Amino acid sequence: PAAIRRAVSKRDQGKCTRCGGTHALEIEHILPFALGGGSTLENLRLACRSCNSFFVIQTFGPEVMRSFRGTS
């Protein structure tokens, strides 16, 4: 919901929680939705696209990230 997205952005001061970047920000689940994480303020954070990709690779492995990118 928009209200949650605004609250996450405000709490994280419009910056990636890992690198502090401000470009290409995405809302990311701390405990991934696929693993049972909810879309709550406590389980969401801002991450730039690069850091979000890093978290996906760390959690699910590079094969999963390649499937999203459409590369082999």
PDB file of N, CA and C in Angstrom:
ATOM      1  N   PRO A   1       0.821  -1.214   0.000  1.00  0.00           N
ATOM      2  CA  PRO A   1       0.000   0.000   0.000  1.00  0.00           C
ATOM      3  C   PRO A   1       0.858   1.269   0.000  1.00  0.00           C
ATOM      4  N   ALA A   2       0.325   2.307  -0.586  1.00  0.00           N
ATOM      5  CA  ALA A   2       1.063   3.566  -0.717  1.00  0.00           C
ATOM      6  C   ALA A   2       1.494   4.129   0.635  1.00  0.00           C
ATOM      7  N   ALA A   3       0.644   4.007   1.641  1.00  0.00           N
ATOM      8  CA  ALA A   3       0.990   4.551   2.966  1.00  0.00           C
ATOM      9  C   ALA A   3       2.214   3.848   3.547  1.00  0.00           C
ATOM     10  N   ILE A   4       2.317   2.552   3.357  1.00  0.00           N
ATOM     11  CA  ILE A   4       3.483   1.788   3.845  1.00  0.00           C
ATOM     12  C   ILE A   4       4.729   2.203   3.070  1.00  0.00           C
ATOM     13  N   ARG A   5       4.596   2.346   1.746  1.00  0.00           N
ATOM     14  CA  ARG A   5       5.738   2.746   0.920  1.00  0.00           C
ATOM     15  C   ARG A   5       6.273   4.112   1.375  1.00  0.00           C
ATOM     16  N   ARG A   6       5.365   5.041   1.633  1.00  0.00           N
ATOM     17  CA  ARG A   6       5.784   6.368   2.098  1.00  0.00           C
ATOM     18  C   ARG A   6       6.462   6.278   3.465  1.00  0.00           C
ATOM     19  N   ALA A   7       5.926   5.459   4.345  1.00  0.00           N
ATOM     20  CA  ALA A   7       6.505   5.312   5.688  1.00  0.00           C
ATOM     21  C   ALA A   7       7.908   4.699   5.621  1.00  0.00           C
ATOM     22  N   VAL A   8       8.096   3.712   4.749  1.00  0.00           N
ATOM     23  CA  VAL A   8       9.426   3.090   4.585  1.00  0.00           C
ATOM     24  C   VAL A   8      10.414   4.131   4.059  1.00  0.00           C
ATOM     25  N   SER A   9      10.001   4.877   3.047  1.00  0.00           N
ATOM     26  CA  SER A   9      10.872   5.893   2.461  1.00  0.00           C
ATOM     27  C   SER A   9      11.249   6.959   3.488  1.00  0.00           C
ATOM     28  N   LYS A  10      10.267   7.388   4.272  1.00  0.00           N
ATOM     29  CA  LYS A  10      10.538   8.392   5.304  1.00  0.00           C
ATOM     30  C   LYS A  10      11.475   7.836   6.370  1.00  0.00           C
ATOM     31  N   ARG A  11      11.190   6.639   6.870  1.00  0.00           N
ATOM     32  CA  ARG A  11      12.020   6.027   7.910  1.00  0.00           C
ATOM     33  C   ARG A  11      13.471   5.850   7.441  1.00  0.00           C
ATOM     34  N   ASP A  12      13.624   5.399   6.178  1.00  0.00           N
ATOM     35  CA  ASP A  12      14.961   5.135   5.639  1.00  0.00           C
ATOM     36  C   ASP A  12      15.583   6.378   5.005  1.00  0.00           C
ATOM     37  N   GLN A  13      14.932   7.512   5.172  1.00  0.00           N
ATOM     38  CA  GLN A  13      15.424   8.819   4.722  1.00  0.00           C
ATOM     39  C   GLN A  13      15.730   8.869   3.231  1.00  0.00           C
ATOM     40  N   GLY A  14      14.956   8.105   2.438  1.00  0.00           N
ATOM     41  CA  GLY A  14      15.118   8.134   0.985  1.00  0.00           C
ATOM     42  C   GLY A  14      16.449   7.603   0.491  1.00  0.00           C
ATOM     43  N   LYS A  15      17.064   6.708   1.280  1.00  0.00           N
ATOM     44  CA  LYS A  15      18.384   6.166   0.915  1.00  0.00           C
ATOM     45  C   LYS A  15      18.384   4.657   1.042  1.00  0.00           C
ATOM     46  N   CYS A  16      19.220   4.004   0.245  1.00  0.00           N
ATOM     47  CA  CYS A  16      19.435   2.568   0.357  1.00  0.00           C
ATOM     48  C   CYS A  16      19.996   2.275   1.746  1.00  0.00           C
ATOM     49  N   THR A  17      19.417   1.281   2.407  1.00  0.00           N
ATOM     50  CA  THR A  17      19.851   0.955   3.768  1.00  0.00           C
ATOM     51  C   THR A  17      21.216   0.273   3.808  1.00  0.00           C
ATOM     52  N   ARG A  18      21.702  -0.161   2.660  1.00  0.00           N
ATOM     53  CA  ARG A  18      23.014  -0.826   2.634  1.00  0.00           C
ATOM     54  C   ARG A  18      24.123   0.139   2.240  1.00  0.00           C
ATOM     55  N   CYS A  19      23.945   0.828   1.109  1.00  0.00           N
ATOM     56  CA  CYS A  19      25.035   1.656   0.584  1.00  0.00           C
ATOM     57  C   CYS A  19      24.781   3.157   0.712  1.00  0.00           C
ATOM     58  N   GLY A  20      23.555   3.542   1.051  1.00  0.00           N
ATOM     59  CA  GLY A  20      23.237   4.955   1.184  1.00  0.00           C
ATOM     60  C   GLY A  20      22.910   5.647  -0.124  1.00  0.00           C
ATOM     61  N   GLY A  21      22.863   4.872  -1.214  1.00  0.00           N
ATOM     62  CA  GLY A  21      22.549   5.445  -2.511  1.00  0.00           C
ATOM     63  C   GLY A  21      21.116   5.962  -2.588  1.00  0.00           C
ATOM     64  N   THR A  22      20.888   6.852  -3.546  1.00  0.00           N
ATOM     65  CA  THR A  22      19.562   7.445  -3.709  1.00  0.00           C
ATOM     66  C   THR A  22      18.975   7.208  -5.101  1.00  0.00           C
ATOM     67  N   HIS A  23      19.661   6.438  -5.927  1.00  0.00           N
ATOM     68  CA  HIS A  23      19.221   6.193  -7.304  1.00  0.00           C
ATOM     69  C   HIS A  23      18.608   4.798  -7.431  1.00  0.00           C
ATOM     70  N   ALA A  24      17.546   4.692  -8.215  1.00  0.00           N
ATOM     71  CA  ALA A  24      16.887   3.405  -8.522  1.00  0.00           C
ATOM     72  C   ALA A  24      16.500   2.652  -7.247  1.00  0.00           C
ATOM     73  N   LEU A  25      15.845   3.349  -6.323  1.00  0.00           N
ATOM     74  CA  LEU A  25      15.452   2.722  -5.063  1.00  0.00           C
ATOM     75  C   LEU A  25      14.235   1.830  -5.244  1.00  0.00           C
ATOM     76  N   GLU A  26      14.229   0.732  -4.511  1.00  0.00           N
ATOM     77  CA  GLU A  26      13.139  -0.239  -4.528  1.00  0.00           C
ATOM     78  C   GLU A  26      12.787  -0.586  -3.085  1.00  0.00           C
ATOM     79  N   ILE A  27      11.544  -0.962  -2.877  1.00  0.00           N
ATOM     80  CA  ILE A  27      11.136  -1.461  -1.569  1.00  0.00           C
ATOM     81  C   ILE A  27      11.467  -2.951  -1.547  1.00  0.00           C
ATOM     82  N   GLU A  28      12.186  -3.361  -0.521  1.00  0.00           N
ATOM     83  CA  GLU A  28      12.635  -4.749  -0.435  1.00  0.00           C
ATOM     84  C   GLU A  28      12.154  -5.369   0.873  1.00  0.00           C
ATOM     85  N   HIS A  29      11.774  -6.633   0.799  1.00  0.00           N
ATOM     86  CA  HIS A  29      11.423  -7.381   2.006  1.00  0.00           C
ATOM     87  C   HIS A  29      12.703  -7.839   2.701  1.00  0.00           C
ATOM     88  N   ILE A  30      12.792  -7.642   4.000  1.00  0.00           N
ATOM     89  CA  ILE A  30      13.946  -8.109   4.767  1.00  0.00           C
ATOM     90  C   ILE A  30      13.908  -9.638   4.831  1.00  0.00           C
ATOM     91  N   LEU A  31      12.800 -10.189   5.293  1.00  0.00           N
ATOM     92  CA  LEU A  31      12.544 -11.625   5.157  1.00  0.00           C
ATOM     93  C   LEU A  31      11.711 -11.752   3.894  1.00  0.00           C
ATOM     94  N   PRO A  32      12.258 -12.331   2.831  1.00  0.00           N
ATOM     95  CA  PRO A  32      11.562 -12.355   1.546  1.00  0.00           C
ATOM     96  C   PRO A  32      10.131 -12.887   1.636  1.00  0.00           C
ATOM     97  N   PHE A  33       9.280 -12.296   0.828  1.00  0.00           N
ATOM     98  CA  PHE A  33       7.879 -12.710   0.740  1.00  0.00           C
ATOM     99  C   PHE A  33       7.796 -14.203   0.441  1.00  0.00           C
ATOM    100  N   ALA A  34       8.678 -14.677  -0.431  1.00  0.00           N
ATOM    101  CA  ALA A  34       8.691 -16.096  -0.821  1.00  0.00           C
ATOM    102  C   ALA A  34       9.016 -17.020   0.349  1.00  0.00           C
ATOM    103  N   LEU A  35       9.601 -16.465   1.399  1.00  0.00           N
ATOM    104  CA  LEU A  35       9.947 -17.264   2.576  1.00  0.00           C
ATOM    105  C   LEU A  35       9.029 -16.949   3.755  1.00  0.00           C
ATOM    106  N   GLY A  36       7.918 -16.286   3.466  1.00  0.00           N
ATOM    107  CA  GLY A  36       6.933 -16.013   4.503  1.00  0.00           C
ATOM    108  C   GLY A  36       6.960 -14.621   5.090  1.00  0.00           C
ATOM    109  N   GLY A  37       7.808 -13.746   4.566  1.00  0.00           N
ATOM    110  CA  GLY A  37       7.875 -12.374   5.074  1.00  0.00           C
ATOM    111  C   GLY A  37       6.670 -11.569   4.642  1.00  0.00           C
ATOM    112  N   GLY A  38       6.183 -10.755   5.535  1.00  0.00           N
ATOM    113  CA  GLY A  38       5.015  -9.935   5.239  1.00  0.00           C
ATOM    114  C   GLY A  38       5.394  -8.568   4.700  1.00  0.00           C
ATOM    115  N   SER A  39       4.399  -7.875   4.183  1.00  0.00           N
ATOM    116  CA  SER A  39       4.597  -6.521   3.663  1.00  0.00           C
ATOM    117  C   SER A  39       4.252  -5.510   4.753  1.00  0.00           C
ATOM    118  N   THR A  40       4.984  -5.586   5.843  1.00  0.00           N
ATOM    119  CA  THR A  40       4.788  -4.694   6.973  1.00  0.00           C
ATOM    120  C   THR A  40       5.939  -3.706   7.039  1.00  0.00           C
ATOM    121  N   LEU A  41       5.707  -2.609   7.714  1.00  0.00           N
ATOM    122  CA  LEU A  41       6.744  -1.595   7.859  1.00  0.00           C
ATOM    123  C   LEU A  41       8.020  -2.192   8.457  1.00  0.00           C
ATOM    124  N   GLU A  42       7.862  -3.098   9.408  1.00  0.00           N
ATOM    125  CA  GLU A  42       9.022  -3.701  10.073  1.00  0.00           C
ATOM    126  C   GLU A  42       9.805  -4.649   9.167  1.00  0.00           C
ATOM    127  N   ASN A  43       9.179  -5.161   8.116  1.00  0.00           N
ATOM    128  CA  ASN A  43       9.837  -6.133   7.240  1.00  0.00           C
ATOM    129  C   ASN A  43      10.218  -5.552   5.882  1.00  0.00           C
ATOM    130  N   LEU A  44      10.100  -4.258   5.731  1.00  0.00           N
ATOM    131  CA  LEU A  44      10.435  -3.621   4.458  1.00  0.00           C
ATOM    132  C   LEU A  44      11.551  -2.614   4.663  1.00  0.00           C
ATOM    133  N   ARG A  45      12.368  -2.431   3.630  1.00  0.00           N
ATOM    134  CA  ARG A  45      13.425  -1.430   3.663  1.00  0.00           C
ATOM    135  C   ARG A  45      13.671  -0.925   2.255  1.00  0.00           C
ATOM    136  N   LEU A  46      14.319   0.217   2.154  1.00  0.00           N
ATOM    137  CA  LEU A  46      14.722   0.740   0.858  1.00  0.00           C
ATOM    138  C   LEU A  46      16.057   0.126   0.468  1.00  0.00           C
ATOM    139  N   ALA A  47      16.159  -0.247  -0.792  1.00  0.00           N
ATOM    140  CA  ALA A  47      17.422  -0.753  -1.327  1.00  0.00           C
ATOM    141  C   ALA A  47      17.545  -0.279  -2.768  1.00  0.00           C
ATOM    142  N   CYS A  48      18.729   0.120  -3.162  1.00  0.00           N
ATOM    143  CA  CYS A  48      18.941   0.445  -4.570  1.00  0.00           C
ATOM    144  C   CYS A  48      18.880  -0.864  -5.354  1.00  0.00           C
ATOM    145  N   ARG A  49      18.715  -0.762  -6.643  1.00  0.00           N
ATOM    146  CA  ARG A  49      18.576  -1.963  -7.466  1.00  0.00           C
ATOM    147  C   ARG A  49      19.780  -2.886  -7.329  1.00  0.00           C
ATOM    148  N   SER A  50      20.970  -2.311  -7.249  1.00  0.00           N
ATOM    149  CA  SER A  50      22.183  -3.114  -7.132  1.00  0.00           C
ATOM    150  C   SER A  50      22.206  -3.891  -5.810  1.00  0.00           C
ATOM    151  N   CYS A  51      21.907  -3.220  -4.716  1.00  0.00           N
ATOM    152  CA  CYS A  51      21.903  -3.893  -3.415  1.00  0.00           C
ATOM    153  C   CYS A  51      20.763  -4.898  -3.324  1.00  0.00           C
ATOM    154  N   ASN A  52      19.620  -4.580  -3.907  1.00  0.00           N
ATOM    155  CA  ASN A  52      18.505  -5.514  -3.901  1.00  0.00           C
ATOM    156  C   ASN A  52      18.910  -6.800  -4.631  1.00  0.00           C
ATOM    157  N   SER A  53      19.593  -6.661  -5.759  1.00  0.00           N
ATOM    158  CA  SER A  53      20.078  -7.835  -6.488  1.00  0.00           C
ATOM    159  C   SER A  53      21.060  -8.633  -5.637  1.00  0.00           C
ATOM    160  N   PHE A  54      21.925  -7.936  -4.920  1.00  0.00           N
ATOM    161  CA  PHE A  54      22.886  -8.595  -4.027  1.00  0.00           C
ATOM    162  C   PHE A  54      22.151  -9.422  -2.976  1.00  0.00           C
ATOM    163  N   PHE A  55      21.117  -8.841  -2.355  1.00  0.00           N
ATOM    164  CA  PHE A  55      20.355  -9.559  -1.328  1.00  0.00           C
ATOM    165  C   PHE A  55      19.671 -10.793  -1.912  1.00  0.00           C
ATOM    166  N   VAL A  56      19.143 -10.684  -3.127  1.00  0.00           N
ATOM    167  CA  VAL A  56      18.490 -11.830  -3.776  1.00  0.00           C
ATOM    168  C   VAL A  56      19.512 -12.950  -3.992  1.00  0.00           C
ATOM    169  N   ILE A  57      20.686 -12.589  -4.490  1.00  0.00           N
ATOM    170  CA  ILE A  57      21.728 -13.590  -4.736  1.00  0.00           C
ATOM    171  C   ILE A  57      22.167 -14.238  -3.428  1.00  0.00           C
ATOM    172  N   GLN A  58      22.326 -13.436  -2.370  1.00  0.00           N
ATOM    173  CA  GLN A  58      22.732 -13.978  -1.072  1.00  0.00           C
ATOM    174  C   GLN A  58      21.681 -14.938  -0.510  1.00  0.00           C
ATOM    175  N   THR A  59      20.415 -14.635  -0.741  1.00  0.00           N
ATOM    176  CA  THR A  59      19.334 -15.426  -0.166  1.00  0.00           C
ATOM    177  C   THR A  59      18.991 -16.650  -0.996  1.00  0.00           C
ATOM    178  N   PHE A  60      18.873 -16.476  -2.318  1.00  0.00           N
ATOM    179  CA  PHE A  60      18.366 -17.544  -3.175  1.00  0.00           C
ATOM    180  C   PHE A  60      19.401 -18.143  -4.124  1.00  0.00           C
ATOM    181  N   GLY A  61      20.556 -17.508  -4.256  1.00  0.00           N
ATOM    182  CA  GLY A  61      21.592 -18.003  -5.154  1.00  0.00           C
ATOM    183  C   GLY A  61      21.555 -17.309  -6.504  1.00  0.00           C
ATOM    184  N   PRO A  62      22.669 -17.369  -7.220  1.00  0.00           N
ATOM    185  CA  PRO A  62      22.780 -16.671  -8.500  1.00  0.00           C
ATOM    186  C   PRO A  62      21.847 -17.221  -9.580  1.00  0.00           C
ATOM    187  N   GLU A  63      21.475 -18.494  -9.494  1.00  0.00           N
ATOM    188  CA  GLU A  63      20.605 -19.082 -10.514  1.00  0.00           C
ATOM    189  C   GLU A  63      19.247 -18.380 -10.545  1.00  0.00           C
ATOM    190  N   VAL A  64      18.715 -18.073  -9.377  1.00  0.00           N
ATOM    191  CA  VAL A  64      17.419 -17.397  -9.294  1.00  0.00           C
ATOM    192  C   VAL A  64      17.522 -16.004  -9.906  1.00  0.00           C
ATOM    193  N   MET A  65      18.597 -15.285  -9.615  1.00  0.00           N
ATOM    194  CA  MET A  65      18.756 -13.935 -10.169  1.00  0.00           C
ATOM    195  C   MET A  65      18.875 -13.988 -11.685  1.00  0.00           C
ATOM    196  N   ARG A  66      19.584 -14.985 -12.195  1.00  0.00           N
ATOM    197  CA  ARG A  66      19.704 -15.109 -13.663  1.00  0.00           C
ATOM    198  C   ARG A  66      18.346 -15.355 -14.285  1.00  0.00           C
ATOM    199  N   SER A  67      17.476 -16.115 -13.615  1.00  0.00           N
ATOM    200  CA  SER A  67      16.150 -16.392 -14.180  1.00  0.00           C
ATOM    201  C   SER A  67      15.324 -15.113 -14.264  1.00  0.00           C
ATOM    202  N   PHE A  68      15.498 -14.187 -13.321  1.00  0.00           N
ATOM    203  CA  PHE A  68      14.766 -12.923 -13.376  1.00  0.00           C
ATOM    204  C   PHE A  68      15.317 -12.011 -14.458  1.00  0.00           C
ATOM    205  N   ARG A  69      16.607 -12.099 -14.695  1.00  0.00           N
ATOM    206  CA  ARG A  69      17.237 -11.253 -15.713  1.00  0.00           C
ATOM    207  C   ARG A  69      17.096 -11.840 -17.118  1.00  0.00           C
ATOM    208  N   GLY A  70      16.685 -13.097 -17.195  1.00  0.00           N
ATOM    209  CA  GLY A  70      16.541 -13.739 -18.492  1.00  0.00           C
ATOM    210  C   GLY A  70      17.858 -14.109 -19.133  1.00  0.00           C
ATOM    211  N   THR A  71      18.886 -14.320 -18.295  1.00  0.00           N
ATOM    212  CA  THR A  71      20.200 -14.711 -18.816  1.00  0.00           C
ATOM    213  C   THR A  71      20.541 -16.096 -18.331  1.00  0.00           C
ATOM    214  N   SER A  72      21.479 -16.731 -19.000  1.00  0.00           N
ATOM    215  CA  SER A  72      21.902 -18.091 -18.605  1.00  0.00           C
ATOM    216  C   SER A  72      23.182 -18.077 -17.856  1.00  0.00           C
TER     217      SER A  72
END
